């Protein structure tokens, strides 16, 4: 199983999906990823050591993808 986590004001929302099964959960995760990244959100795949790799395209083989809003200055 894999997970797409969307960070928000309430903590985070999760979409769990199986990267090997083309079902509605995988389609939902991909659509959510593309929508958020298209609006300027940052996506990264944590590496398990406290770091991660920024990704720009949905990768269903990533064990975890985190989406976070763009940082706004003021």
PDB file of N, CA and C in Angstrom:
ATOM      1  N   UNK A   1       0.829  -1.188   0.000  1.00  0.00           N
ATOM      2  CA  UNK A   1       0.000   0.000   0.000  1.00  0.00           C
ATOM      3  C   UNK A   1       0.870   1.247   0.000  1.00  0.00           C
ATOM      4  N   UNK A   2       0.290   2.310  -0.518  1.00  0.00           N
ATOM      5  CA  UNK A   2       0.954   3.605  -0.545  1.00  0.00           C
ATOM      6  C   UNK A   2      -0.041   4.639  -0.010  1.00  0.00           C
ATOM      7  N   UNK A   3       0.461   5.822   0.284  1.00  0.00           N
ATOM      8  CA  UNK A   3      -0.403   6.863   0.827  1.00  0.00           C
ATOM      9  C   UNK A   3      -0.034   8.226   0.245  1.00  0.00           C
ATOM     10  N   UNK A   4      -1.066   9.004  -0.040  1.00  0.00           N
ATOM     11  CA  UNK A   4      -0.918  10.409  -0.405  1.00  0.00           C
ATOM     12  C   UNK A   4      -1.443  11.191   0.790  1.00  0.00           C
ATOM     13  N   UNK A   5      -0.593  12.027   1.377  1.00  0.00           N
ATOM     14  CA  UNK A   5      -0.984  12.854   2.523  1.00  0.00           C
ATOM     15  C   UNK A   5      -1.064  14.299   2.082  1.00  0.00           C
ATOM     16  N   UNK A   6      -2.158  14.953   2.445  1.00  0.00           N
ATOM     17  CA  UNK A   6      -2.370  16.355   2.098  1.00  0.00           C
ATOM     18  C   UNK A   6      -2.379  17.149   3.401  1.00  0.00           C
ATOM     19  N   UNK A   7      -1.332  17.948   3.618  1.00  0.00           N
ATOM     20  CA  UNK A   7      -1.239  18.761   4.831  1.00  0.00           C
ATOM     21  C   UNK A   7      -2.206  19.928   4.726  1.00  0.00           C
ATOM     22  N   UNK A   8      -2.924  20.191   5.827  1.00  0.00           N
ATOM     23  CA  UNK A   8      -3.871  21.302   5.836  1.00  0.00           C
ATOM     24  C   UNK A   8      -4.031  21.811   7.263  1.00  0.00           C
ATOM     25  N   UNK A   9      -4.921  22.747   7.455  1.00  0.00           N
ATOM     26  CA  UNK A   9      -5.106  23.373   8.768  1.00  0.00           C
ATOM     27  C   UNK A   9      -5.596  22.385   9.830  1.00  0.00           C
ATOM     28  N   UNK A  10      -6.187  21.297   9.416  1.00  0.00           N
ATOM     29  CA  UNK A  10      -6.704  20.294  10.351  1.00  0.00           C
ATOM     30  C   UNK A  10      -5.702  19.184  10.645  1.00  0.00           C
ATOM     31  N   UNK A  11      -4.524  19.263  10.113  1.00  0.00           N
ATOM     32  CA  UNK A  11      -3.515  18.198  10.266  1.00  0.00           C
ATOM     33  C   UNK A  11      -3.155  17.670   8.893  1.00  0.00           C
ATOM     34  N   UNK A  12      -3.731  16.519   8.545  1.00  0.00           N
ATOM     35  CA  UNK A  12      -3.549  16.022   7.193  1.00  0.00           C
ATOM     36  C   UNK A  12      -4.680  15.071   6.832  1.00  0.00           C
ATOM     37  N   UNK A  13      -4.957  15.008   5.532  1.00  0.00           N
ATOM     38  CA  UNK A  13      -5.914  14.058   4.982  1.00  0.00           C
ATOM     39  C   UNK A  13      -5.107  12.992   4.270  1.00  0.00           C
ATOM     40  N   UNK A  14      -5.627  11.765   4.250  1.00  0.00           N
ATOM     41  CA  UNK A  14      -4.915  10.641   3.651  1.00  0.00           C
ATOM     42  C   UNK A  14      -5.754  10.008   2.548  1.00  0.00           C
ATOM     43  N   UNK A  15      -5.063   9.589   1.503  1.00  0.00           N
ATOM     44  CA  UNK A  15      -5.669   8.739   0.487  1.00  0.00           C
ATOM     45  C   UNK A  15      -4.750   7.526   0.374  1.00  0.00           C
ATOM     46  N   UNK A  16      -5.215   6.387   0.875  1.00  0.00           N
ATOM     47  CA  UNK A  16      -4.454   5.147   0.770  1.00  0.00           C
ATOM     48  C   UNK A  16      -4.796   4.487  -0.558  1.00  0.00           C
ATOM     49  N   UNK A  17      -3.781   3.944  -1.228  1.00  0.00           N
ATOM     50  CA  UNK A  17      -4.028   3.288  -2.518  1.00  0.00           C
ATOM     51  C   UNK A  17      -2.987   2.194  -2.738  1.00  0.00           C
ATOM     52  N   UNK A  18      -3.344   1.271  -3.601  1.00  0.00           N
ATOM     53  CA  UNK A  18      -2.428   0.208  -4.005  1.00  0.00           C
ATOM     54  C   UNK A  18      -1.887   0.582  -5.379  1.00  0.00           C
ATOM     55  N   UNK A  19      -0.579   0.807  -5.507  1.00  0.00           N
ATOM     56  CA  UNK A  19      -0.030   1.242  -6.792  1.00  0.00           C
ATOM     57  C   UNK A  19      -0.169   0.209  -7.901  1.00  0.00           C
ATOM     58  N   UNK A  20      -0.465  -1.034  -7.539  1.00  0.00           N
ATOM     59  CA  UNK A  20      -0.592  -2.093  -8.538  1.00  0.00           C
ATOM     60  C   UNK A  20      -2.029  -2.361  -8.956  1.00  0.00           C
ATOM     61  N   UNK A  21      -2.972  -1.597  -8.401  1.00  0.00           N
ATOM     62  CA  UNK A  21      -4.383  -1.793  -8.724  1.00  0.00           C
ATOM     63  C   UNK A  21      -4.956  -0.474  -9.241  1.00  0.00           C
ATOM     64  N   UNK A  22      -5.356  -0.470 -10.495  1.00  0.00           N
ATOM     65  CA  UNK A  22      -5.909   0.746 -11.105  1.00  0.00           C
ATOM     66  C   UNK A  22      -7.383   0.853 -10.728  1.00  0.00           C
ATOM     67  N   UNK A  23      -7.654   1.373  -9.523  1.00  0.00           N
ATOM     68  CA  UNK A  23      -9.025   1.518  -9.054  1.00  0.00           C
ATOM     69  C   UNK A  23      -9.304   2.982  -8.732  1.00  0.00           C
ATOM     70  N   UNK A  24     -10.468   3.229  -8.120  1.00  0.00           N
ATOM     71  CA  UNK A  24     -10.868   4.609  -7.830  1.00  0.00           C
ATOM     72  C   UNK A  24      -9.957   5.281  -6.816  1.00  0.00           C
ATOM     73  N   UNK A  25      -9.331   4.515  -5.908  1.00  0.00           N
ATOM     74  CA  UNK A  25      -8.419   5.123  -4.929  1.00  0.00           C
ATOM     75  C   UNK A  25      -7.169   5.656  -5.618  1.00  0.00           C
ATOM     76  N   UNK A  26      -6.617   4.906  -6.532  1.00  0.00           N
ATOM     77  CA  UNK A  26      -5.445   5.363  -7.286  1.00  0.00           C
ATOM     78  C   UNK A  26      -5.813   6.571  -8.145  1.00  0.00           C
ATOM     79  N   UNK A  27      -6.968   6.509  -8.806  1.00  0.00           N
ATOM     80  CA  UNK A  27      -7.413   7.643  -9.632  1.00  0.00           C
ATOM     81  C   UNK A  27      -7.627   8.884  -8.784  1.00  0.00           C
ATOM     82  N   UNK A  28      -8.196   8.716  -7.587  1.00  0.00           N
ATOM     83  CA  UNK A  28      -8.424   9.857  -6.693  1.00  0.00           C
ATOM     84  C   UNK A  28      -7.108  10.472  -6.235  1.00  0.00           C
ATOM     85  N   UNK A  29      -6.149   9.626  -5.866  1.00  0.00           N
ATOM     86  CA  UNK A  29      -4.846  10.128  -5.426  1.00  0.00           C
ATOM     87  C   UNK A  29      -4.163  10.903  -6.553  1.00  0.00           C
ATOM     88  N   UNK A  30      -4.191  10.351  -7.759  1.00  0.00           N
ATOM     89  CA  UNK A  30      -3.543  11.021  -8.894  1.00  0.00           C
ATOM     90  C   UNK A  30      -4.225  12.348  -9.219  1.00  0.00           C
ATOM     91  N   UNK A  31      -5.549  12.368  -9.227  1.00  0.00           N
ATOM     92  CA  UNK A  31      -6.283  13.600  -9.528  1.00  0.00           C
ATOM     93  C   UNK A  31      -6.027  14.668  -8.467  1.00  0.00           C
ATOM     94  N   UNK A  32      -6.021  14.264  -7.200  1.00  0.00           N
ATOM     95  CA  UNK A  32      -5.756  15.209  -6.114  1.00  0.00           C
ATOM     96  C   UNK A  32      -4.347  15.774  -6.231  1.00  0.00           C
ATOM     97  N   UNK A  33      -3.374  14.911  -6.505  1.00  0.00           N
ATOM     98  CA  UNK A  33      -1.989  15.341  -6.696  1.00  0.00           C
ATOM     99  C   UNK A  33      -1.906  16.381  -7.810  1.00  0.00           C
ATOM    100  N   UNK A  34      -2.473  16.054  -8.970  1.00  0.00           N
ATOM    101  CA  UNK A  34      -2.375  16.954 -10.128  1.00  0.00           C
ATOM    102  C   UNK A  34      -3.079  18.282  -9.876  1.00  0.00           C
ATOM    103  N   UNK A  35      -4.203  18.249  -9.182  1.00  0.00           N
ATOM    104  CA  UNK A  35      -4.918  19.490  -8.859  1.00  0.00           C
ATOM    105  C   UNK A  35      -4.092  20.379  -7.942  1.00  0.00           C
ATOM    106  N   UNK A  36      -3.582  19.805  -6.870  1.00  0.00           N
ATOM    107  CA  UNK A  36      -2.836  20.600  -5.891  1.00  0.00           C
ATOM    108  C   UNK A  36      -1.516  21.116  -6.465  1.00  0.00           C
ATOM    109  N   UNK A  37      -0.771  20.271  -7.143  1.00  0.00           N
ATOM    110  CA  UNK A  37       0.500  20.707  -7.729  1.00  0.00           C
ATOM    111  C   UNK A  37       0.239  21.776  -8.795  1.00  0.00           C
ATOM    112  N   UNK A  38      -0.851  21.622  -9.537  1.00  0.00           N
ATOM    113  CA  UNK A  38      -1.227  22.626 -10.534  1.00  0.00           C
ATOM    114  C   UNK A  38      -1.545  23.978  -9.930  1.00  0.00           C
ATOM    115  N   UNK A  39      -1.906  23.989  -8.638  1.00  0.00           N
ATOM    116  CA  UNK A  39      -2.197  25.239  -7.930  1.00  0.00           C
ATOM    117  C   UNK A  39      -0.993  25.751  -7.156  1.00  0.00           C
ATOM    118  N   UNK A  40       0.177  25.145  -7.369  1.00  0.00           N
ATOM    119  CA  UNK A  40       1.398  25.638  -6.742  1.00  0.00           C
ATOM    120  C   UNK A  40       1.816  24.920  -5.471  1.00  0.00           C
ATOM    121  N   UNK A  41       1.105  23.865  -5.086  1.00  0.00           N
ATOM    122  CA  UNK A  41       1.495  23.116  -3.893  1.00  0.00           C
ATOM    123  C   UNK A  41       2.794  22.359  -4.161  1.00  0.00           C
ATOM    124  N   UNK A  42       3.549  22.102  -3.100  1.00  0.00           N
ATOM    125  CA  UNK A  42       4.784  21.340  -3.208  1.00  0.00           C
ATOM    126  C   UNK A  42       4.485  19.880  -2.876  1.00  0.00           C
ATOM    127  N   UNK A  43       5.097  18.974  -3.627  1.00  0.00           N
ATOM    128  CA  UNK A  43       4.951  17.541  -3.376  1.00  0.00           C
ATOM    129  C   UNK A  43       6.337  16.950  -3.158  1.00  0.00           C
ATOM    130  N   UNK A  44       6.421  16.058  -2.178  1.00  0.00           N
ATOM    131  CA  UNK A  44       7.684  15.364  -1.967  1.00  0.00           C
ATOM    132  C   UNK A  44       7.439  13.952  -1.467  1.00  0.00           C
ATOM    133  N   UNK A  45       8.421  13.114  -1.692  1.00  0.00           N
ATOM    134  CA  UNK A  45       8.400  11.733  -1.230  1.00  0.00           C
ATOM    135  C   UNK A  45       9.423  11.608  -0.109  1.00  0.00           C
ATOM    136  N   UNK A  46       8.962  11.423   1.141  1.00  0.00           N
ATOM    137  CA  UNK A  46       9.899  11.272   2.259  1.00  0.00           C
ATOM    138  C   UNK A  46      10.800  10.052   2.045  1.00  0.00           C
ATOM    139  N   UNK A  47      12.053  10.170   2.524  1.00  0.00           N
ATOM    140  CA  UNK A  47      13.002   9.067   2.329  1.00  0.00           C
ATOM    141  C   UNK A  47      13.219   8.226   3.580  1.00  0.00           C
ATOM    142  N   UNK A  48      12.511   8.553   4.670  1.00  0.00           N
ATOM    143  CA  UNK A  48      12.626   7.766   5.889  1.00  0.00           C
ATOM    144  C   UNK A  48      13.732   8.213   6.823  1.00  0.00           C
ATOM    145  N   UNK A  49      14.531   9.203   6.413  1.00  0.00           N
ATOM    146  CA  UNK A  49      15.629   9.685   7.254  1.00  0.00           C
ATOM    147  C   UNK A  49      15.398  11.136   7.689  1.00  0.00           C
ATOM    148  N   UNK A  50      14.193  11.634   7.473  1.00  0.00           N
ATOM    149  CA  UNK A  50      13.899  13.021   7.819  1.00  0.00           C
ATOM    150  C   UNK A  50      14.002  13.940   6.622  1.00  0.00           C
ATOM    151  N   UNK A  51      14.442  13.422   5.497  1.00  0.00           N
ATOM    152  CA  UNK A  51      14.540  14.200   4.271  1.00  0.00           C
ATOM    153  C   UNK A  51      13.536  13.690   3.254  1.00  0.00           C
ATOM    154  N   UNK A  52      13.686  14.122   2.035  1.00  0.00           N
ATOM    155  CA  UNK A  52      12.790  13.673   0.984  1.00  0.00           C
ATOM    156  C   UNK A  52      13.212  14.242  -0.349  1.00  0.00           C
ATOM    157  N   UNK A  53      12.515  13.821  -1.379  1.00  0.00           N
ATOM    158  CA  UNK A  53      12.779  14.262  -2.738  1.00  0.00           C
ATOM    159  C   UNK A  53      11.546  14.948  -3.279  1.00  0.00           C
ATOM    160  N   UNK A  54      11.714  16.164  -3.771  1.00  0.00           N
ATOM    161  CA  UNK A  54      10.590  16.866  -4.367  1.00  0.00           C
ATOM    162  C   UNK A  54      10.213  16.160  -5.661  1.00  0.00           C
ATOM    163  N   UNK A  55       8.912  16.012  -5.879  1.00  0.00           N
ATOM    164  CA  UNK A  55       8.446  15.395  -7.117  1.00  0.00           C
ATOM    165  C   UNK A  55       7.464  16.335  -7.800  1.00  0.00           C
ATOM    166  N   UNK A  56       7.446  16.282  -9.099  1.00  0.00           N
ATOM    167  CA  UNK A  56       6.575  17.159  -9.879  1.00  0.00           C
ATOM    168  C   UNK A  56       5.515  16.375 -10.647  1.00  0.00           C
ATOM    169  N   UNK A  57       5.697  15.059 -10.728  1.00  0.00           N
ATOM    170  CA  UNK A  57       4.724  14.184 -11.382  1.00  0.00           C
ATOM    171  C   UNK A  57       4.314  13.096 -10.399  1.00  0.00           C
ATOM    172  N   UNK A  58       3.059  12.708 -10.470  1.00  0.00           N
ATOM    173  CA  UNK A  58       2.548  11.660  -9.588  1.00  0.00           C
ATOM    174  C   UNK A  58       3.323  10.369  -9.836  1.00  0.00           C
ATOM    175  N   UNK A  59       3.844   9.790  -8.763  1.00  0.00           N
ATOM    176  CA  UNK A  59       4.595   8.536  -8.834  1.00  0.00           C
ATOM    177  C   UNK A  59       3.882   7.503  -7.969  1.00  0.00           C
ATOM    178  N   UNK A  60       3.071   6.634  -8.561  1.00  0.00           N
ATOM    179  CA  UNK A  60       2.323   5.669  -7.770  1.00  0.00           C
ATOM    180  C   UNK A  60       3.213   4.657  -7.052  1.00  0.00           C
ATOM    181  N   UNK A  61       4.453   4.530  -7.455  1.00  0.00           N
ATOM    182  CA  UNK A  61       5.364   3.582  -6.810  1.00  0.00           C
ATOM    183  C   UNK A  61       6.003   4.146  -5.539  1.00  0.00           C
ATOM    184  N   UNK A  62       5.844   5.443  -5.289  1.00  0.00           N
ATOM    185  CA  UNK A  62       6.363   6.032  -4.051  1.00  0.00           C
ATOM    186  C   UNK A  62       5.518   5.507  -2.891  1.00  0.00           C
ATOM    187  N   UNK A  63       6.157   5.095  -1.810  1.00  0.00           N
ATOM    188  CA  UNK A  63       5.408   4.573  -0.659  1.00  0.00           C
ATOM    189  C   UNK A  63       4.564   5.657  -0.004  1.00  0.00           C
ATOM    190  N   UNK A  64       5.067   6.883  -0.031  1.00  0.00           N
ATOM    191  CA  UNK A  64       4.364   8.003   0.573  1.00  0.00           C
ATOM    192  C   UNK A  64       4.645   9.257  -0.232  1.00  0.00           C
ATOM    193  N   UNK A  65       3.591  10.030  -0.477  1.00  0.00           N
ATOM    194  CA  UNK A  65       3.720  11.339  -1.113  1.00  0.00           C
ATOM    195  C   UNK A  65       3.039  12.338  -0.185  1.00  0.00           C
ATOM    196  N   UNK A  66       3.716  13.439   0.062  1.00  0.00           N
ATOM    197  CA  UNK A  66       3.168  14.493   0.921  1.00  0.00           C
ATOM    198  C   UNK A  66       2.961  15.743   0.077  1.00  0.00           C
ATOM    199  N   UNK A  67       1.793  16.320   0.191  1.00  0.00           N
ATOM    200  CA  UNK A  67       1.481  17.585  -0.473  1.00  0.00           C
ATOM    201  C   UNK A  67       1.349  18.661   0.599  1.00  0.00           C
ATOM    202  N   UNK A  68       2.006  19.791   0.382  1.00  0.00           N
ATOM    203  CA  UNK A  68       1.872  20.898   1.322  1.00  0.00           C
ATOM    204  C   UNK A  68       1.656  22.188   0.556  1.00  0.00           C
ATOM    205  N   UNK A  69       0.871  23.090   1.150  1.00  0.00           N
ATOM    206  CA  UNK A  69       0.598  24.354   0.468  1.00  0.00           C
ATOM    207  C   UNK A  69       1.889  25.136   0.224  1.00  0.00           C
ATOM    208  N   UNK A  70       1.850  25.962  -0.800  1.00  0.00           N
ATOM    209  CA  UNK A  70       2.981  26.842  -1.073  1.00  0.00           C
ATOM    210  C   UNK A  70       3.165  27.794   0.088  1.00  0.00           C
ATOM    211  N   UNK A  71       4.397  28.118   0.376  1.00  0.00           N
ATOM    212  CA  UNK A  71       4.707  29.041   1.460  1.00  0.00           C
ATOM    213  C   UNK A  71       4.457  30.466   0.962  1.00  0.00           C
ATOM    214  N   UNK A  72       3.701  31.217   1.732  1.00  0.00           N
ATOM    215  CA  UNK A  72       3.389  32.592   1.354  1.00  0.00           C
ATOM    216  C   UNK A  72       4.087  33.559   2.285  1.00  0.00           C
ATOM    217  N   UNK A  73       4.693  34.553   1.709  1.00  0.00           N
ATOM    218  CA  UNK A  73       5.360  35.574   2.513  1.00  0.00           C
ATOM    219  C   UNK A  73       4.423  36.750   2.769  1.00  0.00           C
ATOM    220  N   UNK A  74       4.861  37.634   3.630  1.00  0.00           N
ATOM    221  CA  UNK A  74       3.952  38.743   3.897  1.00  0.00           C
ATOM    222  C   UNK A  74       4.654  39.977   4.333  1.00  0.00           C
TER     223      UNK A  74
END
